[in-house]
Amino acid sequence: MTSSTEKATLAEVVHDRLRDELLRGELAPGSKVHISETAARFGVSPSVLREALTRLAERGLVIAMPQRGFTVSDLSVEGLQDLTRARTLIEAIALRESIADGDLTWESSVLAAHHRLQRTPMTGDDGRFNPDWSEAHRQFHHVLLAGGSSKRLTGIADGLRDCSDLYIHWSRTLAHDDHRDAAAEHQQIADLTLARDADAAATALVAHIERTTEVLIGYAAAVAEADTASA
């Protein structure tokens, strides 16, 4: 019989694996999560899977439907705009606090995370996002905000960023935006952060987030137009 501790540990493992699949774009937006099939695939009980899905629903990566199970969050312009507004407000505050509170160890972690991101290719030979780049990108943005004293604030920012990553991986537009130099944007954010220029760093971060949103909204509009044309 599985103890409550073992169940919680299993749910955490399944949560992390499902989260990785979502952020790699392996589960289609709006698709239903089939409890029995998915639980069997992960080798866990349906109750463990539901616990993991409930945690993902709390972060906005899936949607809990009363009496109907869970579905993967869908792609919508309105949802992305709302998410972007929340991110820019929260991450700007968190970065300011990080710059104010961060110590030398935090500065070193920002340098290391940025160096790793710089040295990791964004895409593989197949044109898809490189999982190593995705993880380096996530870690860089996390570390930027991790110098602040409020871990809850950092956690909220991480959860919102995960939701944004869903849009990025579904569309694959970030890797194919020929009018953008994402590496230069990351360099600027890192430089301003390490210079302790809170106003300029927050402005650069907000611009970085909003630029990604502009590209994704363009993608969502194109998908909607294609769907209308094929209807």
Protein backbone atom coordinates (compact mmCIF):
# COMPACT_ATOMS: atom_id res chain seq x y z
CA MET A 1 0.00 0.00 0.00
CA THR A 2 1.36 3.42 -0.97
CA SER A 3 1.85 5.80 1.97
CA SER A 4 0.79 9.44 1.82
CA THR A 5 4.46 10.47 1.67
CA GLU A 6 5.19 8.10 -1.22
CA LYS A 7 2.07 9.30 -3.02
CA ALA A 8 3.12 12.93 -2.64
CA THR A 9 6.60 12.11 -3.96
CA LEU A 10 5.16 10.24 -6.94
CA ALA A 11 2.81 13.14 -7.66
CA GLU A 12 5.75 15.52 -7.62
CA VAL A 13 7.68 13.34 -10.09
CA VAL A 14 4.67 13.07 -12.40
CA HIS A 15 4.04 16.82 -12.06
CA ASP A 16 7.59 17.57 -13.21
CA ARG A 17 7.42 15.13 -16.13
CA LEU A 18 4.06 16.43 -17.32
CA ARG A 19 5.23 20.01 -16.93
CA ASP A 20 8.25 19.24 -19.10
CA GLU A 21 6.03 17.67 -21.77
CA LEU A 22 3.75 20.70 -21.73
CA LEU A 23 6.64 23.14 -21.99
CA ARG A 24 8.12 21.15 -24.88
CA GLY A 25 4.82 21.53 -26.73
CA GLU A 26 4.17 17.77 -26.77
CA LEU A 27 0.54 18.14 -25.63
CA ALA A 28 -1.73 20.11 -27.95
CA PRO A 29 -3.51 23.22 -26.62
CA GLY A 30 -7.09 22.48 -25.61
CA SER A 31 -6.55 18.70 -25.70
CA LYS A 32 -8.10 16.50 -23.03
CA VAL A 33 -5.81 14.65 -20.63
CA HIS A 34 -6.99 11.03 -20.57
CA ILE A 35 -6.55 9.96 -16.96
CA SER A 36 -6.35 6.18 -17.38
CA GLU A 37 -4.06 6.26 -20.41
CA THR A 38 -1.75 8.91 -18.96
CA ALA A 39 -1.57 7.23 -15.55
CA ALA A 40 -0.65 3.95 -17.24
CA ARG A 41 2.00 5.69 -19.34
CA PHE A 42 3.65 7.07 -16.21
CA GLY A 43 3.12 3.85 -14.23
CA VAL A 44 1.14 5.52 -11.44
CA SER A 45 -2.41 5.36 -10.09
CA PRO A 46 -5.13 7.72 -11.39
CA SER A 47 -5.25 9.42 -7.97
CA VAL A 48 -1.52 10.26 -8.15
CA LEU A 49 -1.98 11.64 -11.67
CA ARG A 50 -4.96 13.77 -10.56
CA GLU A 51 -2.89 15.23 -7.73
CA ALA A 52 -0.14 16.17 -10.20
CA LEU A 53 -2.68 17.67 -12.61
CA THR A 54 -4.27 19.67 -9.79
CA ARG A 55 -0.87 21.25 -9.09
CA LEU A 56 -0.45 22.04 -12.79
CA ALA A 57 -3.94 23.58 -12.83
CA GLU A 58 -2.94 25.85 -9.94
CA ARG A 59 -0.11 27.16 -12.17
CA GLY A 60 -2.42 27.63 -15.15
CA LEU A 61 -0.79 24.98 -17.34
CA VAL A 62 -3.92 22.81 -17.44
CA ILE A 63 -7.57 23.52 -16.70
CA ALA A 64 -9.63 21.50 -14.24
CA MET A 65 -13.13 20.87 -15.63
CA PRO A 66 -15.66 19.87 -12.91
CA GLN A 67 -16.85 16.31 -13.53
CA ARG A 68 -14.95 16.28 -16.83
CA GLY A 69 -11.31 15.92 -15.87
CA PHE A 70 -8.48 18.10 -17.16
CA THR A 71 -7.61 19.77 -20.43
CA VAL A 72 -4.43 21.47 -21.60
CA SER A 73 -4.73 25.27 -21.52
CA ASP A 74 -5.82 26.72 -24.85
CA LEU A 75 -4.21 29.43 -26.96
CA SER A 76 -6.02 32.78 -27.01
CA VAL A 77 -5.02 36.37 -27.65
CA GLU A 78 -7.04 37.58 -24.67
CA GLY A 79 -5.41 35.06 -22.37
CA LEU A 80 -1.94 35.96 -23.59
CA GLN A 81 -2.56 39.70 -23.15
CA ASP A 82 -3.80 39.14 -19.60
CA LEU A 83 -0.82 36.90 -18.85
CA THR A 84 1.59 39.48 -20.26
CA ARG A 85 0.14 42.26 -18.13
CA ALA A 86 0.50 40.10 -15.02
CA ARG A 87 4.07 39.14 -15.95
CA THR A 88 5.26 42.67 -16.62
CA LEU A 89 3.85 43.92 -13.32
CA ILE A 90 5.12 41.02 -11.20
CA GLU A 91 8.52 40.53 -12.85
CA ALA A 92 9.38 44.24 -12.83
CA ILE A 93 8.70 44.38 -9.08
CA ALA A 94 10.57 41.13 -8.47
CA LEU A 95 13.61 42.29 -10.46
CA ARG A 96 13.76 45.58 -8.56
CA GLU A 97 13.70 43.66 -5.27
CA SER A 98 16.32 41.25 -6.55
CA ILE A 99 18.64 44.10 -7.46
CA ALA A 100 18.07 45.76 -4.08
CA ASP A 101 18.53 42.58 -2.00
CA GLY A 102 20.84 40.39 -4.10
CA ASP A 103 24.31 39.63 -2.77
CA LEU A 104 27.57 38.63 -4.46
CA THR A 105 26.46 34.99 -4.67
CA TRP A 106 23.35 36.09 -6.55
CA GLU A 107 25.44 38.21 -8.93
CA SER A 108 27.61 35.18 -9.66
CA SER A 109 24.55 33.05 -10.35
CA VAL A 110 23.23 35.66 -12.82
CA LEU A 111 26.57 35.64 -14.64
CA ALA A 112 26.66 31.84 -14.75
CA ALA A 113 23.06 31.52 -15.92
CA HIS A 114 23.58 34.09 -18.66
CA HIS A 115 26.80 32.43 -19.80
CA ARG A 116 25.03 29.08 -20.07
CA LEU A 117 22.20 30.67 -22.06
CA GLN A 118 24.67 32.36 -24.41
CA ARG A 119 26.48 29.10 -25.09
CA THR A 120 23.38 26.96 -25.70
CA PRO A 121 21.86 26.82 -29.24
CA MET A 122 18.19 27.82 -29.35
CA THR A 123 17.16 25.18 -31.89
CA GLY A 124 18.24 21.74 -32.98
CA ASP A 125 18.83 20.46 -36.49
CA ASP A 126 15.10 19.81 -36.88
CA GLY A 127 14.24 23.46 -36.22
CA ARG A 128 12.50 22.68 -32.94
CA PHE A 129 13.43 24.30 -29.67
CA ASN A 130 16.47 22.74 -28.07
CA PRO A 131 15.36 21.40 -24.64
CA ASP A 132 18.70 22.46 -23.19
CA TRP A 133 18.12 26.03 -24.40
CA SER A 134 14.62 26.02 -22.95
CA GLU A 135 15.97 25.00 -19.56
CA ALA A 136 18.83 27.53 -19.75
CA HIS A 137 16.36 30.27 -20.70
CA ARG A 138 14.01 29.37 -17.85
CA GLN A 139 16.88 29.26 -15.38
CA PHE A 140 18.24 32.64 -16.50
CA HIS A 141 14.92 34.37 -15.96
CA HIS A 142 14.43 32.59 -12.64
CA VAL A 143 17.86 33.56 -11.32
CA LEU A 144 17.33 37.21 -12.27
CA LEU A 145 14.45 37.39 -9.81
CA ALA A 146 15.84 35.02 -7.18
CA GLY A 147 17.94 37.62 -5.35
CA GLY A 148 14.93 39.19 -3.65
CA SER A 149 13.86 38.35 -0.12
CA SER A 150 10.33 37.26 -1.15
CA LYS A 151 10.41 33.66 -2.36
CA ARG A 152 6.65 33.75 -2.83
CA LEU A 153 7.03 36.61 -5.33
CA THR A 154 9.68 34.66 -7.24
CA GLY A 155 7.41 31.61 -7.27
CA ILE A 156 4.51 33.58 -8.70
CA ALA A 157 6.77 34.97 -11.43
CA ASP A 158 8.04 31.47 -12.27
CA GLY A 159 4.47 30.16 -12.61
CA LEU A 160 3.43 32.98 -14.93
CA ARG A 161 6.55 32.43 -17.05
CA ASP A 162 5.72 28.74 -17.40
CA CYS A 163 2.37 29.71 -18.91
CA SER A 164 4.14 32.00 -21.38
CA ASP A 165 6.49 29.16 -22.31
CA LEU A 166 3.46 27.13 -23.41
CA TYR A 167 2.63 29.76 -26.03
CA ILE A 168 6.25 29.98 -27.17
CA HIS A 169 6.62 26.24 -27.70
CA TRP A 170 3.26 25.80 -29.38
CA SER A 171 3.98 28.52 -31.91
CA ARG A 172 7.76 28.11 -32.31
CA THR A 173 7.78 31.78 -33.32
CA LEU A 174 10.56 32.92 -31.00
CA ALA A 175 13.09 30.84 -32.89
CA HIS A 176 11.93 32.18 -36.27
CA ASP A 177 11.60 35.91 -35.56
CA ASP A 178 14.11 37.32 -38.03
CA HIS A 179 13.50 40.88 -36.82
CA ARG A 180 14.64 40.21 -33.28
CA ASP A 181 17.93 39.61 -31.50
CA ALA A 182 16.85 37.76 -28.36
CA ALA A 183 20.48 37.15 -27.34
CA ALA A 184 21.14 40.90 -27.33
CA GLU A 185 18.02 41.45 -25.23
CA HIS A 186 19.22 38.92 -22.66
CA GLN A 187 22.67 40.53 -22.66
CA GLN A 188 21.18 43.95 -22.01
CA ILE A 189 19.00 42.69 -19.17
CA ALA A 190 21.94 40.90 -17.55
CA ASP A 191 24.26 43.91 -17.90
CA LEU A 192 21.77 46.38 -16.44
CA THR A 193 20.88 44.00 -13.63
CA LEU A 194 24.52 43.49 -12.64
CA ALA A 195 25.08 47.25 -12.87
CA ARG A 196 22.30 47.56 -10.25
CA ASP A 197 20.36 49.95 -12.52
CA ALA A 198 16.91 48.90 -11.33
CA ASP A 199 14.89 51.32 -13.49
CA ALA A 200 16.68 50.50 -16.74
CA ALA A 201 16.80 46.76 -16.01
CA ALA A 202 13.07 46.61 -15.27
CA THR A 203 12.32 48.60 -18.43
CA ALA A 204 14.45 46.24 -20.54
CA LEU A 205 12.79 43.18 -19.01
CA VAL A 206 9.29 44.52 -19.64
CA ALA A 207 10.20 45.34 -23.25
CA HIS A 208 11.59 41.81 -23.66
CA ILE A 209 8.35 40.24 -22.40
CA GLU A 210 6.15 42.52 -24.50
CA ARG A 211 8.19 41.85 -27.64
CA THR A 212 7.59 38.13 -27.25
CA THR A 213 3.88 38.79 -26.82
CA GLU A 214 3.71 40.85 -30.02
CA VAL A 215 5.20 37.95 -31.98
CA LEU A 216 2.88 35.41 -30.37
CA ILE A 217 -0.22 37.52 -30.99
CA GLY A 218 0.78 37.68 -34.64
CA TYR A 219 0.98 33.90 -34.66
CA ALA A 220 -2.39 33.49 -32.92
CA ALA A 221 -4.04 35.87 -35.40
CA ALA A 222 -2.60 33.89 -38.31
CA VAL A 223 -3.92 30.63 -36.84
CA ALA A 224 -7.38 32.14 -36.37
CA GLU A 225 -7.38 33.44 -39.95
CA ALA A 226 -6.37 30.03 -41.27
CA ASP A 227 -9.07 28.31 -39.23
CA THR A 228 -11.70 30.75 -40.59
CA ALA A 229 -10.55 30.22 -44.15
CA SER A 230 -10.74 26.43 -43.82
CA ALA A 231 -14.16 26.44 -42.15
